[in-house]
Protein backbone atom coordinates (compact mmCIF):
# COMPACT_ATOMS: atom_id res chain seq x y z
CA MET A 1 234.72 61.57 114.78
CA LEU A 2 234.90 64.91 113.78
CA ASN A 3 237.89 64.69 112.11
CA GLY A 4 238.95 67.36 109.31
CA LYS A 5 236.10 69.46 110.28
CA THR A 6 236.50 72.78 111.70
CA ALA A 7 234.01 74.15 114.34
CA VAL A 8 233.63 77.96 115.58
CA ILE A 9 232.36 78.66 119.18
CA THR A 10 230.85 81.13 120.68
CA GLY A 11 231.21 82.08 123.84
CA ALA A 12 234.12 79.12 124.44
CA SER A 13 236.34 81.07 126.92
CA ARG A 14 234.69 79.08 129.82
CA GLY A 15 231.31 77.06 131.02
CA ILE A 16 229.79 75.14 127.91
CA GLY A 17 231.33 76.96 125.08
CA ALA A 18 234.89 75.59 126.37
CA ALA A 19 233.57 71.82 127.06
CA VAL A 20 232.59 72.02 123.87
CA ALA A 21 235.33 73.02 122.64
CA GLU A 22 237.32 70.57 123.85
CA LYS A 23 234.72 68.05 123.27
CA PHE A 24 235.15 68.90 119.80
CA ALA A 25 238.66 68.93 119.60
CA HIS A 26 239.11 65.13 121.51
CA LEU A 27 236.59 64.35 118.37
CA GLY A 28 239.23 65.44 115.78
CA ALA A 29 238.06 68.67 115.00
CA ASN A 30 239.83 72.56 114.59
CA VAL A 31 238.76 74.58 116.73
CA ALA A 32 238.09 78.17 116.74
CA ILE A 33 237.73 79.73 120.24
CA ILE A 34 235.43 83.28 119.97
CA TYR A 35 235.52 85.19 122.80
CA GLN A 36 235.04 88.64 123.71
CA ALA A 37 236.36 90.17 127.42
CA ASN A 38 238.51 86.54 129.17
CA THR A 39 241.93 86.37 126.71
CA ASP A 40 243.44 84.26 129.71
CA LYS A 41 241.01 82.06 130.01
CA ALA A 42 240.58 81.84 125.96
CA GLU A 43 244.42 81.07 125.75
CA ASP A 44 243.61 78.25 128.56
CA VAL A 45 241.23 76.67 126.59
CA CYS A 46 242.76 76.95 123.04
CA ARG A 47 246.37 75.20 124.85
CA ARG A 48 243.92 72.50 126.13
CA ALA A 49 242.35 71.95 122.46
CA ARG A 50 246.03 71.83 121.18
CA ASP A 51 247.16 69.57 123.93
CA LEU A 52 244.34 66.98 122.55
CA GLY A 53 246.05 67.15 119.16
CA ALA A 54 243.65 69.66 117.69
CA GLU A 55 244.41 72.65 115.64
CA ALA A 56 242.76 75.87 117.69
CA GLU A 57 243.26 79.25 117.69
CA ILE A 58 241.62 82.36 119.35
CA TYR A 59 239.60 85.40 117.62
CA LYS A 60 238.36 88.04 119.93
CA CYS A 61 234.72 89.27 118.79
CA ASP A 62 231.66 90.82 120.37
CA VAL A 63 228.59 88.96 118.30
CA SER A 64 226.00 91.54 118.57
CA ASP A 65 228.57 93.50 116.32
CA PHE A 66 227.87 92.52 112.81
CA ASP A 67 230.98 93.59 111.42
CA GLU A 68 232.82 92.10 114.08
CA CYS A 69 231.16 88.55 112.96
CA LYS A 70 231.13 89.18 109.82
CA LYS A 71 235.21 90.22 110.39
CA THR A 72 236.00 87.45 112.49
CA VAL A 73 234.29 84.65 110.01
CA ALA A 74 236.54 86.09 107.21
CA GLU A 75 239.57 85.43 109.75
CA VAL A 76 238.80 81.68 110.42
CA ILE A 77 237.81 80.76 106.81
CA GLY A 78 241.46 82.67 105.85
CA ARG A 79 243.03 80.19 108.88
CA PHE A 80 241.30 76.81 108.38
CA GLY A 81 240.20 77.16 104.65
CA LYS A 82 236.25 76.31 106.06
CA ILE A 83 234.15 76.23 108.52
CA ASP A 84 231.71 73.24 109.01
CA ILE A 85 230.52 73.83 112.36
CA LEU A 86 228.75 76.29 113.98
CA VAL A 87 227.91 76.68 117.82
CA ASN A 88 226.23 79.73 119.18
CA ASN A 89 226.90 79.56 122.93
CA ALA A 90 227.81 83.01 123.34
CA GLY A 91 225.44 84.96 125.78
CA ILE A 92 224.79 87.17 129.29
CA THR A 93 222.34 87.61 131.74
CA ARG A 94 220.94 90.89 132.96
CA ASP A 95 218.24 89.69 135.33
CA ASN A 96 215.60 91.59 136.92
CA LEU A 97 211.14 92.08 137.44
CA ILE A 98 209.70 93.44 134.67
CA ALA A 99 208.93 96.31 136.45
CA MET A 100 212.36 97.06 137.67
CA MET A 101 214.36 96.19 134.40
CA SER A 102 215.96 98.96 132.49
CA GLU A 103 215.53 99.04 128.53
CA ASP A 104 219.27 99.13 128.42
CA ASP A 105 219.29 95.86 130.16
CA PHE A 106 216.50 94.06 127.96
CA ASN A 107 218.26 95.38 124.83
CA LYS A 108 221.24 94.44 125.68
CA VAL A 109 220.81 90.96 126.51
CA VAL A 110 218.98 90.26 123.98
CA GLY A 111 221.03 91.87 121.03
CA THR A 112 223.96 89.75 122.65
CA ASN A 113 222.33 86.22 122.98
CA LEU A 114 219.96 86.60 119.94
CA GLY A 115 220.94 89.46 117.51
CA GLY A 116 224.74 87.23 118.44
CA CYS A 117 222.99 84.25 116.86
CA PHE A 118 221.97 85.82 113.45
CA ASN A 119 224.83 87.54 113.18
CA MET A 120 226.86 84.74 113.10
CA ILE A 121 224.51 82.57 110.97
CA LYS A 122 224.19 85.16 108.64
CA ALA A 123 228.36 85.60 108.71
CA CYS A 124 228.90 81.95 108.30
CA SER A 125 225.75 81.57 105.88
CA ARG A 126 227.73 82.17 102.34
CA ASN A 127 230.65 79.45 103.84
CA PHE A 128 227.81 76.57 104.35
CA ILE A 129 225.93 77.27 101.01
CA ARG A 130 229.30 77.23 99.38
CA ASN A 131 230.48 73.58 101.13
CA LYS A 132 227.05 72.37 100.67
CA GLY A 133 226.71 71.14 104.21
CA GLY A 134 227.29 71.63 107.73
CA ARG A 135 226.27 72.14 111.06
CA ILE A 136 224.34 75.19 113.05
CA ILE A 137 224.05 74.33 117.15
CA ASN A 138 222.23 76.82 118.84
CA ILE A 139 222.36 77.07 122.91
CA ALA A 140 218.56 78.15 123.85
CA SER A 141 217.33 77.54 127.48
CA VAL A 142 214.41 75.65 129.25
CA SER A 143 213.87 79.23 130.11
CA ALA A 144 212.25 80.02 126.91
CA LEU A 145 209.90 77.06 127.45
CA LEU A 146 209.30 77.38 131.11
CA GLY A 147 209.55 81.40 131.67
CA LEU A 148 211.54 82.38 135.13
CA ALA A 149 210.79 85.02 137.00
CA GLY A 150 213.46 87.90 136.53
CA GLN A 151 214.35 86.83 133.50
CA SER A 152 211.76 88.67 130.68
CA ASN A 153 215.02 89.31 128.71
CA TYR A 154 217.13 86.28 128.53
CA ALA A 155 213.83 83.97 128.59
CA ALA A 156 212.94 86.39 125.40
CA SER A 157 215.89 86.01 123.74
CA LYS A 158 216.31 82.46 123.93
CA ALA A 159 212.87 81.84 123.09
CA GLY A 160 213.87 83.99 119.62
CA ILE A 161 216.48 81.66 119.28
CA ILE A 162 214.29 78.38 119.25
CA ALA A 163 212.12 80.39 116.55
CA LEU A 164 215.54 81.42 114.49
CA THR A 165 216.67 77.85 114.39
CA LYS A 166 213.23 76.73 113.49
CA THR A 167 213.30 79.09 110.49
CA ALA A 168 216.96 78.75 109.59
CA ALA A 169 216.08 75.00 109.48
CA ARG A 170 213.70 75.39 106.92
CA GLU A 171 215.61 78.04 104.60
CA PHE A 172 219.28 76.04 104.87
CA ALA A 173 217.46 72.49 104.12
CA ALA A 174 218.07 72.44 100.88
CA LYS A 175 222.17 72.49 100.97
CA ASN A 176 222.15 69.79 103.47
CA ILE A 177 222.86 72.12 106.53
CA CYS A 178 221.20 70.97 109.68
CA VAL A 179 220.55 73.77 112.40
CA ASN A 180 219.17 72.57 115.58
CA ALA A 181 218.96 74.11 118.96
CA ILE A 182 219.87 72.56 122.85
CA ALA A 183 218.06 73.90 125.62
CA PRO A 184 220.23 73.60 128.71
CA GLY A 185 218.63 73.37 132.00
CA PHE A 186 220.95 74.79 135.43
CA ILE A 187 224.08 73.72 134.43
CA THR A 188 227.50 74.30 136.21
CA THR A 189 228.72 77.56 135.08
CA ASP A 190 229.34 81.05 136.00
CA MET A 191 226.08 82.30 134.97
CA THR A 192 224.58 79.75 137.91
CA GLU A 193 227.02 80.01 140.52
CA SER A 194 225.04 82.76 142.31
CA LEU A 195 222.07 80.61 142.75
CA SER A 196 220.49 78.14 145.76
CA ALA A 197 221.64 74.57 144.44
CA ASP A 198 219.84 73.12 146.90
CA GLU A 199 216.53 74.39 145.92
CA ILE A 200 217.25 74.35 142.12
CA VAL A 201 218.19 70.35 142.79
CA GLY A 202 214.81 70.11 144.83
CA ARG A 203 213.00 70.99 141.33
CA ILE A 204 215.27 68.12 139.04
CA PRO A 205 213.78 64.93 138.80
CA LEU A 206 217.28 63.81 138.11
CA LYS A 207 218.32 65.54 141.12
CA ARG A 208 221.27 66.60 140.28
CA LEU A 209 222.56 70.10 138.12
CA GLY A 210 224.14 69.17 134.71
CA ARG A 211 227.42 69.35 133.77
CA PRO A 212 229.35 71.64 130.89
CA GLU A 213 230.01 68.09 129.69
CA ASP A 214 226.92 66.88 129.39
CA VAL A 215 225.95 69.90 126.96
CA ALA A 216 228.93 69.29 125.14
CA ASN A 217 228.23 65.44 124.72
CA LEU A 218 224.88 66.31 123.03
CA ALA A 219 226.63 69.20 120.84
CA ALA A 220 228.99 66.36 119.72
CA PHE A 221 226.47 64.27 118.53
CA LEU A 222 224.61 67.10 116.52
CA ALA A 223 227.63 67.83 114.92
CA ASP A 224 228.24 64.43 113.82
CA GLU A 225 227.08 62.96 110.65
CA ALA A 226 224.94 60.54 112.39
CA SER A 227 222.64 63.15 113.53
CA GLY A 228 222.38 64.08 109.68
CA TYR A 229 218.40 63.34 109.62
CA ILE A 230 217.44 66.12 112.57
CA THR A 231 216.61 69.28 111.69
CA GLY A 232 214.30 71.90 113.49
CA GLU A 233 214.73 70.71 116.51
CA THR A 234 215.42 71.97 120.03
CA ILE A 235 216.31 68.88 122.30
CA ARG A 236 215.73 69.80 126.24
CA ILE A 237 219.03 68.75 128.78
CA ASP A 238 217.75 69.46 131.90
CA GLY A 239 217.32 66.72 134.38
CA GLY A 240 213.48 66.55 133.64
CA LEU A 241 213.16 70.01 134.70
CA ALA A 242 210.73 70.91 132.14
CA ILE A 243 209.01 67.36 131.63
C-alpha cells in the first residue's frame, strides 16, 4: 500500500502514465499528474484518481525544459509537502531510418525522453535527500535492449535512461533512495496504435500485447516498501519478446 505517499508521474494524461496514476491512487497515494499537451485527458485522469479517494492535481510541464521541471516540482511540494515517488514516463517518438532522420527529430526525442528524465530527477533530488528515502522509477523500453530499425533516436534515449538509472542508483543509495527502470515491450497505447498487432503478437512468446495496467502493477511494486532491496535494475515487461 502507498497510503500517505505522494507520487509524481510524468506523461500521465494517457497510456502507461495514466494507468500508473490510477493504480497509485487506488493504493492510497496522492498523485501529481504531469502532462504537456492534453488538458482534458489530464483532468479526466485526475478526476478518476479523486474518485478513488486520492488527492490529485494536474501540472502542465514540458519535461525537456529544465526550468519548467524545477518550477513544477516546487509547486508539487508546495501543494503536497513532499514527494515520495517519481515516475519518469513522459516520452515521444519521431521514427525514421537513420539515413532519413533529421537532426531535429533525433535531438527532440533524446531531449524529451532522456533529458526529461534527468531534469525531473535533478529537480526532485534535494527533496529525496532531505527525506532520506524515496523511489525513482524510469520508464525505458525493450527498444534499448534490442535496437529496432527506424528507432535510433528512441532506442538511444531509452538506453540512456537505463544508464542514468544505474548511475543514479549508486549516487542515491546511501540516502535509501531506490532507482529502477521498467522496460516495456509492445503495450496497447496511442504510441503503438499505428503498428500491425498481428505481426507483433507473432513475435511475442505470450502471444498478446501488454496492457498499461501490466506496467502499472510493476511500478506499484517498485514504489512499495516491499521492493526496498532492489535498486539499479531494469526489469523487462514484454511478454518474453527480448528473451
